[in-house]
Amino acid sequence: MTTKLAPAALHTQMIALFYLSISLGTAVAGWVAQFYDPTNEVPYFALLGAIAIGIGVLVLISAKPILKLMKGVR
């Protein structure tokens, strides 16, 4: 999908951005892991839940504009 949507001159850069997003997710997971405490797991799972809800809201807000920009590419 990354190369289907990218301009022909930017295929490699779009793949690089894809891998950058994976590394960003891994970095955030490492940062969130510092909040895990086996004696009190509530802050850790509350933060994970808040992040999931926040990302879900962003996806819902941006879904229609992104689909409009895709112009039928599936």
PDB file of N, CA and C in Angstrom:
ATOM      1  N   MET A   1       0.835  -1.179   0.000  1.00  0.00           N
ATOM      2  CA  MET A   1       0.000   0.000   0.000  1.00  0.00           C
ATOM      3  C   MET A   1       0.886   1.250   0.000  1.00  0.00           C
ATOM      4  N   THR A   2       1.994   1.183   0.679  1.00  0.00           N
ATOM      5  CA  THR A   2       2.874   2.345   0.756  1.00  0.00           C
ATOM      6  C   THR A   2       3.343   2.760  -0.626  1.00  0.00           C
ATOM      7  N   THR A   3       3.760   1.824  -1.439  1.00  0.00           N
ATOM      8  CA  THR A   3       4.258   2.176  -2.766  1.00  0.00           C
ATOM      9  C   THR A   3       3.130   2.466  -3.747  1.00  0.00           C
ATOM     10  N   LYS A   4       1.933   1.945  -3.521  1.00  0.00           N
ATOM     11  CA  LYS A   4       0.805   2.250  -4.405  1.00  0.00           C
ATOM     12  C   LYS A   4       0.394   3.714  -4.276  1.00  0.00           C
ATOM     13  N   LEU A   5       0.464   4.258  -3.078  1.00  0.00           N
ATOM     14  CA  LEU A   5       0.013   5.621  -2.835  1.00  0.00           C
ATOM     15  C   LEU A   5       1.093   6.669  -3.057  1.00  0.00           C
ATOM     16  N   ALA A   6       2.344   6.266  -3.040  1.00  0.00           N
ATOM     17  CA  ALA A   6       3.442   7.221  -3.158  1.00  0.00           C
ATOM     18  C   ALA A   6       3.680   7.615  -4.607  1.00  0.00           C
ATOM     19  N   PRO A   7       4.130   8.846  -4.824  1.00  0.00           N
ATOM     20  CA  PRO A   7       4.552   9.219  -6.176  1.00  0.00           C
ATOM     21  C   PRO A   7       5.729   8.336  -6.611  1.00  0.00           C
ATOM     22  N   ALA A   8       5.891   8.151  -7.897  1.00  0.00           N
ATOM     23  CA  ALA A   8       6.918   7.239  -8.416  1.00  0.00           C
ATOM     24  C   ALA A   8       8.317   7.588  -7.931  1.00  0.00           C
ATOM     25  N   ALA A   9       8.600   8.858  -7.770  1.00  0.00           N
ATOM     26  CA  ALA A   9       9.945   9.270  -7.367  1.00  0.00           C
ATOM     27  C   ALA A   9      10.205   9.062  -5.876  1.00  0.00           C
ATOM     28  N   LEU A  10       9.179   8.749  -5.103  1.00  0.00           N
ATOM     29  CA  LEU A  10       9.341   8.686  -3.643  1.00  0.00           C
ATOM     30  C   LEU A  10       9.069   7.305  -3.045  1.00  0.00           C
ATOM     31  N   HIS A  11       9.094   6.253  -3.838  1.00  0.00           N
ATOM     32  CA  HIS A  11       8.802   4.917  -3.305  1.00  0.00           C
ATOM     33  C   HIS A  11       9.747   4.537  -2.175  1.00  0.00           C
ATOM     34  N   THR A  12      11.030   4.744  -2.359  1.00  0.00           N
ATOM     35  CA  THR A  12      12.013   4.360  -1.347  1.00  0.00           C
ATOM     36  C   THR A  12      11.833   5.161  -0.065  1.00  0.00           C
ATOM     37  N   GLN A  13      11.552   6.444  -0.190  1.00  0.00           N
ATOM     38  CA  GLN A  13      11.353   7.276   0.996  1.00  0.00           C
ATOM     39  C   GLN A  13      10.108   6.858   1.775  1.00  0.00           C
ATOM     40  N   MET A  14       9.075   6.436   1.073  1.00  0.00           N
ATOM     41  CA  MET A  14       7.856   5.997   1.755  1.00  0.00           C
ATOM     42  C   MET A  14       8.079   4.689   2.508  1.00  0.00           C
ATOM     43  N   ILE A  15       8.853   3.787   1.937  1.00  0.00           N
ATOM     44  CA  ILE A  15       9.187   2.558   2.650  1.00  0.00           C
ATOM     45  C   ILE A  15      10.013   2.896   3.885  1.00  0.00           C
ATOM     46  N   ALA A  16      10.927   3.856   3.754  1.00  0.00           N
ATOM     47  CA  ALA A  16      11.733   4.286   4.906  1.00  0.00           C
ATOM     48  C   ALA A  16      10.841   4.875   5.995  1.00  0.00           C
ATOM     49  N   LEU A  17       9.833   5.652   5.613  1.00  0.00           N
ATOM     50  CA  LEU A  17       8.900   6.197   6.601  1.00  0.00           C
ATOM     51  C   LEU A  17       8.092   5.096   7.276  1.00  0.00           C
ATOM     52  N   PHE A  18       7.748   4.066   6.521  1.00  0.00           N
ATOM     53  CA  PHE A  18       7.041   2.924   7.093  1.00  0.00           C
ATOM     54  C   PHE A  18       7.880   2.287   8.198  1.00  0.00           C
ATOM     55  N   TYR A  19       9.158   2.054   7.911  1.00  0.00           N
ATOM     56  CA  TYR A  19      10.031   1.455   8.917  1.00  0.00           C
ATOM     57  C   TYR A  19      10.309   2.422  10.074  1.00  0.00           C
ATOM     58  N   LEU A  20      10.320   3.711   9.795  1.00  0.00           N
ATOM     59  CA  LEU A  20      10.468   4.698  10.865  1.00  0.00           C
ATOM     60  C   LEU A  20       9.273   4.641  11.813  1.00  0.00           C
ATOM     61  N   SER A  21       8.078   4.413  11.278  1.00  0.00           N
ATOM     62  CA  SER A  21       6.901   4.313  12.142  1.00  0.00           C
ATOM     63  C   SER A  21       6.990   3.079  13.041  1.00  0.00           C
ATOM     64  N   ILE A  22       7.543   1.996  12.515  1.00  0.00           N
ATOM     65  CA  ILE A  22       7.731   0.800  13.341  1.00  0.00           C
ATOM     66  C   ILE A  22       8.725   1.075  14.457  1.00  0.00           C
ATOM     67  N   SER A  23       9.814   1.769  14.134  1.00  0.00           N
ATOM     68  CA  SER A  23      10.808   2.073  15.168  1.00  0.00           C
ATOM     69  C   SER A  23      10.240   3.035  16.206  1.00  0.00           C
ATOM     70  N   LEU A  24       9.392   3.959  15.788  1.00  0.00           N
ATOM     71  CA  LEU A  24       8.753   4.867  16.741  1.00  0.00           C
ATOM     72  C   LEU A  24       7.846   4.099  17.691  1.00  0.00           C
ATOM     73  N   GLY A  25       7.097   3.138  17.161  1.00  0.00           N
ATOM     74  CA  GLY A  25       6.243   2.310  18.011  1.00  0.00           C
ATOM     75  C   GLY A  25       7.055   1.497  19.017  1.00  0.00           C
ATOM     76  N   THR A  26       8.189   0.982  18.574  1.00  0.00           N
ATOM     77  CA  THR A  26       9.058   0.227  19.476  1.00  0.00           C
ATOM     78  C   THR A  26       9.633   1.130  20.560  1.00  0.00           C
ATOM     79  N   ALA A  27      10.009   2.347  20.193  1.00  0.00           N
ATOM     80  CA  ALA A  27      10.536   3.296  21.178  1.00  0.00           C
ATOM     81  C   ALA A  27       9.475   3.666  22.208  1.00  0.00           C
ATOM     82  N   VAL A  28       8.236   3.879  21.760  1.00  0.00           N
ATOM     83  CA  VAL A  28       7.149   4.202  22.695  1.00  0.00           C
ATOM     84  C   VAL A  28       6.875   3.020  23.617  1.00  0.00           C
ATOM     85  N   ALA A  29       6.936   1.805  23.078  1.00  0.00           N
ATOM     86  CA  ALA A  29       6.736   0.617  23.915  1.00  0.00           C
ATOM     87  C   ALA A  29       7.820   0.521  24.981  1.00  0.00           C
ATOM     88  N   GLY A  30       9.052   0.843  24.614  1.00  0.00           N
ATOM     89  CA  GLY A  30      10.132   0.844  25.596  1.00  0.00           C
ATOM     90  C   GLY A  30       9.943   1.910  26.657  1.00  0.00           C
ATOM     91  N   TRP A  31       9.446   3.081  26.249  1.00  0.00           N
ATOM     92  CA  TRP A  31       9.214   4.151  27.211  1.00  0.00           C
ATOM     93  C   TRP A  31       8.085   3.773  28.171  1.00  0.00           C
ATOM     94  N   VAL A  32       7.015   3.178  27.645  1.00  0.00           N
ATOM     95  CA  VAL A  32       5.864   2.795  28.477  1.00  0.00           C
ATOM     96  C   VAL A  32       6.247   1.673  29.442  1.00  0.00           C
ATOM     97  N   ALA A  33       7.193   0.836  29.066  1.00  0.00           N
ATOM     98  CA  ALA A  33       7.588  -0.299  29.909  1.00  0.00           C
ATOM     99  C   ALA A  33       8.164   0.150  31.250  1.00  0.00           C
ATOM    100  N   GLN A  34       8.666   1.367  31.329  1.00  0.00           N
ATOM    101  CA  GLN A  34       9.212   1.843  32.605  1.00  0.00           C
ATOM    102  C   GLN A  34       8.130   2.023  33.674  1.00  0.00           C
ATOM    103  N   PHE A  35       6.881   2.088  33.254  1.00  0.00           N
ATOM    104  CA  PHE A  35       5.787   2.259  34.205  1.00  0.00           C
ATOM    105  C   PHE A  35       5.276   0.941  34.773  1.00  0.00           C
ATOM    106  N   TYR A  36       5.801  -0.170  34.290  1.00  0.00           N
ATOM    107  CA  TYR A  36       5.332  -1.469  34.786  1.00  0.00           C
ATOM    108  C   TYR A  36       5.955  -1.769  36.138  1.00  0.00           C
ATOM    109  N   ASP A  37       5.108  -2.096  37.084  1.00  0.00           N
ATOM    110  CA  ASP A  37       5.537  -2.492  38.423  1.00  0.00           C
ATOM    111  C   ASP A  37       4.676  -3.695  38.818  1.00  0.00           C
ATOM    112  N   PRO A  38       5.301  -4.845  39.044  1.00  0.00           N
ATOM    113  CA  PRO A  38       4.505  -6.041  39.360  1.00  0.00           C
ATOM    114  C   PRO A  38       3.613  -5.885  40.596  1.00  0.00           C
ATOM    115  N   THR A  39       3.984  -4.999  41.517  1.00  0.00           N
ATOM    116  CA  THR A  39       3.172  -4.822  42.722  1.00  0.00           C
ATOM    117  C   THR A  39       1.976  -3.903  42.486  1.00  0.00           C
ATOM    118  N   ASN A  40       2.069  -3.025  41.481  1.00  0.00           N
ATOM    119  CA  ASN A  40       0.966  -2.107  41.173  1.00  0.00           C
ATOM    120  C   ASN A  40       0.901  -1.944  39.650  1.00  0.00           C
ATOM    121  N   GLU A  41       0.068  -2.749  39.005  1.00  0.00           N
ATOM    122  CA  GLU A  41      -0.006  -2.759  37.547  1.00  0.00           C
ATOM    123  C   GLU A  41      -0.986  -1.736  36.983  1.00  0.00           C
ATOM    124  N   VAL A  42      -1.744  -1.074  37.826  1.00  0.00           N
ATOM    125  CA  VAL A  42      -2.787  -0.164  37.366  1.00  0.00           C
ATOM    126  C   VAL A  42      -2.228   0.987  36.523  1.00  0.00           C
ATOM    127  N   PRO A  43      -1.177   1.697  36.939  1.00  0.00           N
ATOM    128  CA  PRO A  43      -0.687   2.802  36.097  1.00  0.00           C
ATOM    129  C   PRO A  43      -0.230   2.341  34.710  1.00  0.00           C
ATOM    130  N   TYR A  44       0.391   1.189  34.658  1.00  0.00           N
ATOM    131  CA  TYR A  44       0.888   0.663  33.381  1.00  0.00           C
ATOM    132  C   TYR A  44      -0.270   0.389  32.420  1.00  0.00           C
ATOM    133  N   PHE A  45      -1.256  -0.361  32.881  1.00  0.00           N
ATOM    134  CA  PHE A  45      -2.369  -0.704  31.995  1.00  0.00           C
ATOM    135  C   PHE A  45      -3.282   0.487  31.739  1.00  0.00           C
ATOM    136  N   ALA A  46      -3.364   1.428  32.664  1.00  0.00           N
ATOM    137  CA  ALA A  46      -4.131   2.647  32.419  1.00  0.00           C
ATOM    138  C   ALA A  46      -3.472   3.476  31.317  1.00  0.00           C
ATOM    139  N   LEU A  47      -2.151   3.565  31.328  1.00  0.00           N
ATOM    140  CA  LEU A  47      -1.440   4.295  30.289  1.00  0.00           C
ATOM    141  C   LEU A  47      -1.597   3.607  28.931  1.00  0.00           C
ATOM    142  N   LEU A  48      -1.499   2.280  28.916  1.00  0.00           N
ATOM    143  CA  LEU A  48      -1.708   1.548  27.668  1.00  0.00           C
ATOM    144  C   LEU A  48      -3.122   1.779  27.129  1.00  0.00           C
ATOM    145  N   GLY A  49      -4.104   1.753  28.002  1.00  0.00           N
ATOM    146  CA  GLY A  49      -5.485   1.996  27.592  1.00  0.00           C
ATOM    147  C   GLY A  49      -5.687   3.410  27.065  1.00  0.00           C
ATOM    148  N   ALA A  50      -5.079   4.386  27.746  1.00  0.00           N
ATOM    149  CA  ALA A  50      -5.202   5.783  27.302  1.00  0.00           C
ATOM    150  C   ALA A  50      -4.563   5.980  25.934  1.00  0.00           C
ATOM    151  N   ILE A  51      -3.411   5.371  25.718  1.00  0.00           N
ATOM    152  CA  ILE A  51      -2.740   5.473  24.419  1.00  0.00           C
ATOM    153  C   ILE A  51      -3.604   4.819  23.335  1.00  0.00           C
ATOM    154  N   ALA A  52      -4.171   3.655  23.616  1.00  0.00           N
ATOM    155  CA  ALA A  52      -5.011   2.957  22.643  1.00  0.00           C
ATOM    156  C   ALA A  52      -6.262   3.773  22.308  1.00  0.00           C
ATOM    157  N   ILE A  53      -6.886   4.360  23.308  1.00  0.00           N
ATOM    158  CA  ILE A  53      -8.075   5.180  23.074  1.00  0.00           C
ATOM    159  C   ILE A  53      -7.712   6.416  22.271  1.00  0.00           C
ATOM    160  N   GLY A  54      -6.594   7.057  22.605  1.00  0.00           N
ATOM    161  CA  GLY A  54      -6.146   8.243  21.868  1.00  0.00           C
ATOM    162  C   GLY A  54      -5.874   7.945  20.403  1.00  0.00           C
ATOM    163  N   ILE A  55      -5.188   6.847  20.137  1.00  0.00           N
ATOM    164  CA  ILE A  55      -4.904   6.466  18.753  1.00  0.00           C
ATOM    165  C   ILE A  55      -6.200   6.109  18.022  1.00  0.00           C
ATOM    166  N   GLY A  56      -7.116   5.443  18.713  1.00  0.00           N
ATOM    167  CA  GLY A  56      -8.396   5.108  18.108  1.00  0.00           C
ATOM    168  C   GLY A  56      -9.185   6.348  17.705  1.00  0.00           C
ATOM    169  N   VAL A  57      -9.182   7.355  18.562  1.00  0.00           N
ATOM    170  CA  VAL A  57      -9.871   8.607  18.245  1.00  0.00           C
ATOM    171  C   VAL A  57      -9.222   9.276  17.037  1.00  0.00           C
ATOM    172  N   LEU A  58      -7.885   9.294  17.002  1.00  0.00           N
ATOM    173  CA  LEU A  58      -7.188   9.889  15.858  1.00  0.00           C
ATOM    174  C   LEU A  58      -7.515   9.153  14.559  1.00  0.00           C
ATOM    175  N   VAL A  59      -7.590   7.836  14.619  1.00  0.00           N
ATOM    176  CA  VAL A  59      -7.925   7.052  13.426  1.00  0.00           C
ATOM    177  C   VAL A  59      -9.350   7.365  12.973  1.00  0.00           C
ATOM    178  N   LEU A  60     -10.287   7.438  13.905  1.00  0.00           N
ATOM    179  CA  LEU A  60     -11.670   7.759  13.539  1.00  0.00           C
ATOM    180  C   LEU A  60     -11.792   9.151  12.917  1.00  0.00           C
ATOM    181  N   ILE A  61     -11.056  10.103  13.466  1.00  0.00           N
ATOM    182  CA  ILE A  61     -11.117  11.470  12.944  1.00  0.00           C
ATOM    183  C   ILE A  61     -10.489  11.555  11.553  1.00  0.00           C
ATOM    184  N   SER A  62      -9.410  10.831  11.338  1.00  0.00           N
ATOM    185  CA  SER A  62      -8.667  10.976  10.086  1.00  0.00           C
ATOM    186  C   SER A  62      -9.071   9.977   9.003  1.00  0.00           C
ATOM    187  N   ALA A  63      -9.960   9.048   9.279  1.00  0.00           N
ATOM    188  CA  ALA A  63     -10.299   8.005   8.308  1.00  0.00           C
ATOM    189  C   ALA A  63     -10.926   8.570   7.034  1.00  0.00           C
ATOM    190  N   LYS A  64     -11.927   9.412   7.157  1.00  0.00           N
ATOM    191  CA  LYS A  64     -12.600   9.941   5.963  1.00  0.00           C
ATOM    192  C   LYS A  64     -11.666  10.807   5.115  1.00  0.00           C
ATOM    193  N   PRO A  65     -10.922  11.751   5.708  1.00  0.00           N
ATOM    194  CA  PRO A  65     -10.017  12.544   4.868  1.00  0.00           C
ATOM    195  C   PRO A  65      -8.943  11.691   4.182  1.00  0.00           C
ATOM    196  N   ILE A  66      -8.449  10.670   4.861  1.00  0.00           N
ATOM    197  CA  ILE A  66      -7.425   9.826   4.251  1.00  0.00           C
ATOM    198  C   ILE A  66      -8.020   9.004   3.116  1.00  0.00           C
ATOM    199  N   LEU A  67      -9.201   8.457   3.302  1.00  0.00           N
ATOM    200  CA  LEU A  67      -9.846   7.699   2.223  1.00  0.00           C
ATOM    201  C   LEU A  67     -10.143   8.597   1.024  1.00  0.00           C
ATOM    202  N   LYS A  68     -10.497   9.844   1.294  1.00  0.00           N
ATOM    203  CA  LYS A  68     -10.740  10.784   0.218  1.00  0.00           C
ATOM    204  C   LYS A  68      -9.460  11.068  -0.562  1.00  0.00           C
ATOM    205  N   LEU A  69      -8.345  11.176   0.140  1.00  0.00           N
ATOM    206  CA  LEU A  69      -7.056  11.413  -0.517  1.00  0.00           C
ATOM    207  C   LEU A  69      -6.581  10.192  -1.307  1.00  0.00           C
ATOM    208  N   MET A  70      -6.982   8.998  -0.871  1.00  0.00           N
ATOM    209  CA  MET A  70      -6.548   7.779  -1.553  1.00  0.00           C
ATOM    210  C   MET A  70      -7.205   7.634  -2.918  1.00  0.00           C
ATOM    211  N   LYS A  71      -8.358   8.195  -3.125  1.00  0.00           N
ATOM    212  CA  LYS A  71      -9.073   8.192  -4.399  1.00  0.00           C
ATOM    213  C   LYS A  71      -9.242   6.793  -4.975  1.00  0.00           C
ATOM    214  N   GLY A  72      -9.726   5.865  -4.164  1.00  0.00           N
ATOM    215  CA  GLY A  72     -10.054   4.548  -4.657  1.00  0.00           C
ATOM    216  C   GLY A  72      -8.909   3.543  -4.703  1.00  0.00           C
ATOM    217  N   VAL A  73      -7.727   3.897  -4.263  1.00  0.00           N
ATOM    218  CA  VAL A  73      -6.618   2.931  -4.254  1.00  0.00           C
ATOM    219  C   VAL A  73      -6.875   1.946  -3.123  1.00  0.00           C
ATOM    220  N   ARG A  74      -6.908   0.671  -3.452  1.00  0.00           N
ATOM    221  CA  ARG A  74      -7.156  -0.365  -2.433  1.00  0.00           C
ATOM    222  C   ARG A  74      -6.100  -1.419  -2.511  1.00  0.00           C
TER     223      ARG A  74
END
